[in-house]
Amino acid sequence: MTRILVTGAAGFVGRALCRALAAGGIEVSGAVRAGGDIGGGVETRIIGDLRDAVKTPEFLNGIDCVVHAAARVHQMDKTGPEELDSYLRDNTETTRRLAESAVTAGVRRLVFLSSIKANGEETATPYTENTPPRPEDAYGISKLQAEQALGEIAAATGLETVILRPPLIYGPGVRANFLSLLRLADSPIPLPLGGLNRNARSLLYLGNLLSAIRCTLDHPDAAGRTYLLRDGDDPSTAMLVRKLRQALGRPARLMPVPASLIGAAARVAGRGAVMRRINGSLTVDDTAIRHELGWRPPFTLDQGLAATAAWFRTLHATHH
């Protein structure tokens, strides 16, 4: 019987993954910093600070496979050199030490939740596993270097590693930028976003990510591979907001303000980086995982957005 340990088990992805695996009859332990119930019959391993825990392999005793979902998460305004140091410490070094401890503890496979930001920020043609990576910020650099560290350890020890690079992940429980987008889409006012209709952005619904992780836990052909993931549709920003408004029961009401005008206003407001994110294109090609592992995303973009909107509605109802 395979026993799984999930790091970052109190987070958005980690908690959902623990519950999904347990519901599927898989023995799963969630590694968390402090006390707290993950729910769903998941065993909790309180390990304190992961940066310290990874220095000793005891917390991995009896574990066959680790899903490493813990990370210092991306923040748009954190860009200085001192920020790079903290990202490298938390994301790169901690991942390296986790892998070394996994080898010592006899763990067979480590599935690493990386990020499409290891590839880069913007793309004219879809990213693939073979696109030369050009990360632009501290988070992306730290994730890419963590991937490289895993590759070295795997080559030296035989530890099976699988690297997943998701784009923006959304779903019930989402925080940060996507939650802000939900709030914006739920506002009754017309939005000047209709002109942001020439870009395309790959997204990944939480349920599809969980399915991909489940597939890579034990598929023999996944070892040593890097996979890019997506829902299957790559909407423009205007289309995404329109779909969200529809899912939230709001009229679309998108005003066709030219993207160049919004961009100029964003730059004046010091939000040029945000504008680049919402008007730029970032798409991925997920052919590799489909062909090699036979994986298909079980949910469409519209289904994912509907589930997320339903969660947002209940969240809103409980706060009013």
Protein backbone atom coordinates (compact mmCIF):
# COMPACT_ATOMS: atom_id res chain seq x y z
CA MET A 1 0.00 0.00 0.00
CA THR A 2 1.46 3.34 -1.06
CA ARG A 3 1.72 5.93 1.68
CA ILE A 4 1.83 9.58 0.63
CA LEU A 5 3.10 12.63 2.50
CA VAL A 6 2.01 16.09 1.34
CA THR A 7 3.99 19.17 2.37
CA GLY A 8 2.15 22.47 2.61
CA ALA A 9 -0.92 20.49 3.66
CA ALA A 10 -2.61 23.51 5.24
CA GLY A 11 -2.45 25.47 1.97
CA PHE A 12 -4.93 25.89 -0.88
CA VAL A 13 -3.60 22.98 -2.97
CA GLY A 14 -2.17 20.83 -0.17
CA ARG A 15 -5.36 20.63 1.89
CA ALA A 16 -7.51 19.79 -1.14
CA LEU A 17 -4.99 17.16 -2.28
CA CYS A 18 -4.89 15.48 1.13
CA ARG A 19 -8.68 15.25 1.26
CA ALA A 20 -8.96 13.99 -2.32
CA LEU A 21 -6.35 11.26 -1.79
CA ALA A 22 -7.94 10.16 1.49
CA ALA A 23 -11.37 10.08 -0.17
CA GLY A 24 -9.83 7.81 -2.82
CA GLY A 25 -8.73 5.32 -0.17
CA ILE A 26 -5.05 6.29 -0.24
CA GLU A 27 -3.07 6.52 2.99
CA VAL A 28 -2.02 10.15 3.22
CA SER A 29 -0.28 12.27 5.84
CA GLY A 30 -0.31 16.04 5.75
CA ALA A 31 2.81 17.85 6.94
CA VAL A 32 1.88 21.12 8.63
CA ARG A 33 3.79 23.74 10.57
CA ALA A 34 1.54 23.76 13.63
CA GLY A 35 -1.62 22.07 14.89
CA GLY A 36 -4.84 22.12 12.96
CA ASP A 37 -7.18 19.58 11.44
CA ILE A 38 -6.96 19.11 7.68
CA GLY A 39 -10.21 17.17 7.83
CA GLY A 40 -11.36 14.25 5.74
CA GLY A 41 -9.65 11.65 7.93
CA VAL A 42 -6.16 12.83 6.99
CA GLU A 43 -3.34 12.10 9.44
CA THR A 44 -1.52 15.31 10.37
CA ARG A 45 2.22 15.39 10.99
CA ILE A 46 3.20 18.54 12.85
CA ILE A 47 6.74 19.29 11.73
CA GLY A 48 7.22 22.94 12.67
CA ASP A 49 9.22 24.94 10.15
CA LEU A 50 9.75 22.83 7.02
CA ARG A 51 13.18 24.43 6.54
CA ASP A 52 14.27 22.77 9.80
CA ALA A 53 12.30 19.54 9.41
CA VAL A 54 13.94 18.67 6.09
CA LYS A 55 17.36 18.50 7.76
CA THR A 56 16.39 15.21 9.40
CA PRO A 57 14.66 12.40 7.51
CA GLU A 58 12.66 10.99 10.45
CA PHE A 59 9.41 12.71 9.50
CA LEU A 60 9.49 10.76 6.22
CA ASN A 61 9.66 7.33 7.86
CA GLY A 62 7.27 4.87 6.24
CA ILE A 63 6.50 7.20 3.32
CA ASP A 64 6.62 5.89 -0.27
CA CYS A 65 5.89 9.11 -2.12
CA VAL A 66 6.13 12.81 -1.27
CA VAL A 67 4.12 15.57 -2.93
CA HIS A 68 6.00 18.80 -2.30
CA ALA A 69 3.37 21.55 -2.38
CA ALA A 70 4.88 23.87 0.24
CA ALA A 71 6.50 27.05 -1.10
CA ARG A 72 7.10 30.70 -0.52
CA VAL A 73 4.33 31.88 -2.82
CA HIS A 74 4.57 34.40 -5.60
CA GLN A 75 4.04 38.08 -4.76
CA MET A 76 4.09 40.63 -7.55
CA ASP A 77 5.68 43.42 -5.52
CA LYS A 78 8.58 41.35 -4.16
CA THR A 79 11.40 41.87 -6.61
CA GLY A 80 14.58 43.02 -4.80
CA PRO A 81 17.82 41.02 -4.44
CA GLU A 82 17.08 40.32 -0.77
CA GLU A 83 13.80 38.79 -1.91
CA LEU A 84 15.68 36.40 -4.20
CA ASP A 85 17.67 35.17 -1.20
CA SER A 86 14.54 34.31 0.76
CA TYR A 87 12.91 32.62 -2.24
CA LEU A 88 16.05 30.57 -2.89
CA ARG A 89 16.22 29.56 0.77
CA ASP A 90 12.55 28.60 1.08
CA ASN A 91 11.93 27.14 -2.37
CA THR A 92 15.28 25.91 -3.71
CA GLU A 93 17.28 24.85 -0.65
CA THR A 94 14.29 23.41 1.20
CA THR A 95 13.37 21.34 -1.86
CA ARG A 96 16.96 20.10 -2.19
CA ARG A 97 17.11 19.07 1.45
CA LEU A 98 13.68 17.46 1.30
CA ALA A 99 14.88 15.32 -1.62
CA GLU A 100 18.07 14.35 0.22
CA SER A 101 16.06 13.36 3.30
CA ALA A 102 13.64 11.46 1.08
CA VAL A 103 16.53 9.41 -0.32
CA THR A 104 17.78 8.64 3.21
CA ALA A 105 14.29 7.65 4.36
CA GLY A 106 13.77 5.31 1.40
CA VAL A 107 11.08 7.37 -0.33
CA ARG A 108 10.53 6.08 -3.88
CA ARG A 109 9.10 9.12 -5.65
CA LEU A 110 8.88 12.88 -5.15
CA VAL A 111 6.28 14.90 -7.08
CA PHE A 112 7.25 18.57 -7.11
CA LEU A 113 4.72 21.33 -7.62
CA SER A 114 6.77 23.85 -9.58
CA SER A 115 5.27 26.71 -11.61
CA ILE A 116 4.93 27.88 -15.19
CA LYS A 117 6.94 30.87 -13.95
CA ALA A 118 9.98 28.59 -14.17
CA ASN A 119 9.42 28.90 -17.94
CA GLY A 120 8.79 32.64 -17.96
CA GLU A 121 6.11 35.31 -17.89
CA GLU A 122 4.87 35.80 -21.42
CA THR A 123 4.86 33.77 -24.59
CA ALA A 124 3.97 34.29 -28.24
CA THR A 125 3.79 30.52 -28.78
CA PRO A 126 2.75 28.01 -26.10
CA TYR A 127 5.40 26.86 -23.66
CA THR A 128 6.42 23.20 -23.75
CA GLU A 129 8.69 21.14 -21.51
CA ASN A 130 11.46 21.78 -24.05
CA THR A 131 11.19 25.58 -24.20
CA PRO A 132 14.45 27.04 -22.82
CA PRO A 133 13.37 28.40 -19.42
CA ARG A 134 13.74 32.13 -18.84
CA PRO A 135 12.21 32.93 -15.45
CA GLU A 136 11.96 36.65 -14.78
CA ASP A 137 11.28 36.98 -11.07
CA ALA A 138 12.64 35.59 -7.81
CA TYR A 139 9.81 33.06 -7.48
CA GLY A 140 10.31 31.65 -10.99
CA ILE A 141 14.10 31.52 -10.56
CA SER A 142 13.77 29.70 -7.22
CA LYS A 143 11.37 27.14 -8.71
CA LEU A 144 13.63 26.47 -11.71
CA GLN A 145 16.68 26.04 -9.48
CA ALA A 146 14.68 23.66 -7.27
CA GLU A 147 13.84 21.61 -10.38
CA GLN A 148 17.53 21.52 -11.31
CA ALA A 149 18.51 20.41 -7.79
CA LEU A 150 15.95 17.58 -8.00
CA GLY A 151 17.39 16.51 -11.35
CA GLU A 152 20.88 16.27 -9.88
CA ILE A 153 19.71 14.26 -6.85
CA ALA A 154 17.61 11.94 -9.02
CA ALA A 155 20.57 11.27 -11.32
CA ALA A 156 22.87 10.55 -8.38
CA THR A 157 20.52 8.44 -6.25
CA GLY A 158 17.74 6.93 -8.32
CA LEU A 159 15.01 8.90 -6.52
CA GLU A 160 12.09 9.14 -8.94
CA THR A 161 11.12 12.78 -9.46
CA VAL A 162 8.15 14.24 -11.31
CA ILE A 163 7.92 17.98 -11.91
CA LEU A 164 4.59 19.68 -12.60
CA ARG A 165 4.46 23.25 -13.87
CA PRO A 166 0.93 24.57 -13.45
CA PRO A 167 -0.18 27.98 -14.71
CA LEU A 168 -2.53 30.06 -12.53
CA ILE A 169 -4.46 27.62 -10.29
CA TYR A 170 -8.02 28.50 -9.31
CA GLY A 171 -10.85 26.74 -7.52
CA PRO A 172 -12.78 26.74 -4.23
CA GLY A 173 -10.53 28.21 -1.55
CA VAL A 174 -8.43 30.27 -3.99
CA ARG A 175 -6.77 33.39 -2.64
CA ALA A 176 -4.67 36.30 -3.94
CA ASN A 177 -5.12 37.53 -7.51
CA PHE A 178 -7.91 35.20 -8.59
CA LEU A 179 -9.99 36.05 -5.52
CA SER A 180 -9.55 39.73 -6.41
CA LEU A 181 -10.71 38.93 -9.94
CA LEU A 182 -13.80 37.18 -8.55
CA ARG A 183 -14.64 40.24 -6.47
CA LEU A 184 -14.21 42.44 -9.53
CA ALA A 185 -16.40 40.17 -11.67
CA ASP A 186 -19.07 40.15 -8.95
CA SER A 187 -19.36 43.95 -8.89
CA PRO A 188 -22.51 45.28 -10.59
CA ILE A 189 -20.66 48.11 -12.34
CA PRO A 190 -19.63 47.97 -16.01
CA LEU A 191 -15.94 47.07 -16.40
CA PRO A 192 -13.60 48.65 -18.98
CA LEU A 193 -12.06 45.29 -19.88
CA GLY A 194 -13.81 44.46 -23.17
CA GLY A 195 -10.74 45.50 -25.16
CA LEU A 196 -8.52 42.90 -23.47
CA ASN A 197 -9.66 40.31 -26.00
CA ARG A 198 -6.53 39.56 -28.03
CA ASN A 199 -4.50 37.72 -25.43
CA ALA A 200 -4.76 34.12 -24.23
CA ARG A 201 -3.94 32.70 -20.82
CA SER A 202 -3.81 29.06 -19.78
CA LEU A 203 -5.47 28.33 -16.45
CA LEU A 204 -5.69 25.21 -14.30
CA TYR A 205 -8.69 24.26 -12.20
CA LEU A 206 -7.82 22.78 -8.81
CA GLY A 207 -9.73 19.57 -9.59
CA ASN A 208 -7.67 19.08 -12.75
CA LEU A 209 -4.42 19.64 -10.84
CA LEU A 210 -5.43 17.06 -8.22
CA SER A 211 -6.22 14.58 -11.00
CA ALA A 212 -2.81 15.17 -12.63
CA ILE A 213 -0.99 14.73 -9.31
CA ARG A 214 -2.91 11.50 -8.65
CA CYS A 215 -1.88 10.26 -12.11
CA THR A 216 1.82 11.04 -11.57
CA LEU A 217 2.02 9.44 -8.12
CA ASP A 218 2.39 5.95 -9.48
CA HIS A 219 2.54 6.04 -13.29
CA PRO A 220 5.80 4.28 -14.25
CA ASP A 221 6.39 6.56 -17.25
CA ALA A 222 6.21 9.77 -15.19
CA ALA A 223 9.54 9.27 -13.41
CA GLY A 224 12.13 11.85 -14.40
CA ARG A 225 9.67 13.91 -16.45
CA THR A 226 8.47 17.51 -16.39
CA TYR A 227 4.86 18.20 -17.35
CA LEU A 228 2.95 21.38 -18.18
CA LEU A 229 -0.75 21.46 -17.32
CA ARG A 230 -3.83 23.37 -18.45
CA ASP A 231 -7.62 23.10 -18.47
CA GLY A 232 -7.82 22.98 -22.25
CA ASP A 233 -9.23 26.42 -23.10
CA ASP A 234 -7.03 29.52 -23.00
CA PRO A 235 -9.39 32.49 -22.63
CA SER A 236 -8.58 36.14 -23.22
CA THR A 237 -8.89 38.36 -20.15
CA ALA A 238 -12.20 39.76 -21.47
CA MET A 239 -13.55 36.24 -22.08
CA LEU A 240 -12.47 35.08 -18.61
CA VAL A 241 -14.23 38.00 -16.91
CA ARG A 242 -17.30 37.43 -19.10
CA LYS A 243 -17.37 33.75 -18.12
CA LEU A 244 -16.91 34.61 -14.43
CA ARG A 245 -19.73 37.15 -14.54
CA GLN A 246 -21.96 34.58 -16.20
CA ALA A 247 -21.07 31.97 -13.55
CA LEU A 248 -21.82 34.53 -10.83
CA GLY A 249 -25.18 35.38 -12.40
CA ARG A 250 -24.09 38.88 -13.42
CA PRO A 251 -24.61 40.53 -16.82
CA ALA A 252 -21.37 40.81 -18.79
CA ARG A 253 -21.30 44.63 -19.10
CA LEU A 254 -17.77 44.88 -20.47
CA MET A 255 -16.94 48.21 -22.10
CA PRO A 256 -14.65 47.97 -25.16
CA VAL A 257 -11.93 50.34 -23.95
CA PRO A 258 -8.77 49.83 -26.07
CA ALA A 259 -6.05 47.82 -24.33
CA SER A 260 -3.50 50.55 -25.14
CA LEU A 261 -5.54 53.09 -23.17
CA ILE A 262 -5.86 50.77 -20.16
CA GLY A 263 -2.13 50.06 -20.39
CA ALA A 264 -1.26 53.76 -20.37
CA ALA A 265 -3.49 54.34 -17.34
CA ALA A 266 -1.95 51.34 -15.55
CA ARG A 267 1.58 52.61 -16.16
CA VAL A 268 0.66 56.06 -14.85
CA ALA A 269 -0.76 54.38 -11.74
CA GLY A 270 2.45 52.38 -11.32
CA ARG A 271 0.66 49.12 -12.16
CA GLY A 272 2.40 48.32 -15.43
CA ALA A 273 3.34 44.82 -14.23
CA VAL A 274 -0.31 44.06 -13.43
CA MET A 275 -1.33 45.27 -16.88
CA ARG A 276 1.26 43.03 -18.50
CA ARG A 277 -0.24 40.10 -16.63
CA ILE A 278 -3.82 40.81 -17.66
CA ASN A 279 -3.12 41.84 -21.26
CA GLY A 280 -0.15 39.58 -22.03
CA SER A 281 -0.41 35.99 -23.25
CA LEU A 282 0.85 32.97 -21.35
CA THR A 283 -0.20 29.64 -22.80
CA VAL A 284 1.10 26.11 -22.38
CA ASP A 285 1.11 22.98 -24.50
CA ASP A 286 0.10 19.96 -22.40
CA THR A 287 0.65 17.37 -25.15
CA ALA A 288 3.37 15.54 -23.19
CA ILE A 289 1.27 14.48 -20.20
CA ARG A 290 -1.66 13.60 -22.47
CA HIS A 291 0.46 11.41 -24.76
CA GLU A 292 2.86 9.87 -22.25
CA LEU A 293 0.49 9.23 -19.33
CA GLY A 294 -2.87 9.26 -21.10
CA TRP A 295 -4.05 11.97 -18.72
CA ARG A 296 -7.03 14.15 -19.59
CA PRO A 297 -8.36 17.01 -17.45
CA PRO A 298 -11.65 15.73 -15.99
CA PHE A 299 -13.15 19.24 -15.78
CA THR A 300 -13.62 21.89 -18.46
CA LEU A 301 -12.77 25.55 -17.90
CA ASP A 302 -16.49 26.37 -17.64
CA GLN A 303 -17.04 23.62 -15.04
CA GLY A 304 -14.07 24.84 -13.03
CA LEU A 305 -15.25 28.45 -13.12
CA ALA A 306 -18.80 27.39 -12.15
CA ALA A 307 -17.52 25.46 -9.11
CA THR A 308 -15.31 28.38 -8.10
CA ALA A 309 -18.15 30.88 -8.50
CA ALA A 310 -20.45 28.67 -6.40
CA TRP A 311 -17.83 28.60 -3.62
CA PHE A 312 -17.38 32.38 -3.87
CA ARG A 313 -21.14 32.84 -3.53
CA THR A 314 -21.26 30.79 -0.30
CA LEU A 315 -18.19 32.64 0.99
CA HIS A 316 -19.93 35.92 0.28
CA ALA A 317 -23.15 34.74 1.93
CA THR A 318 -21.38 33.78 5.17
CA HIS A 319 -19.62 37.16 5.36
CA HIS A 320 -22.80 39.20 5.07
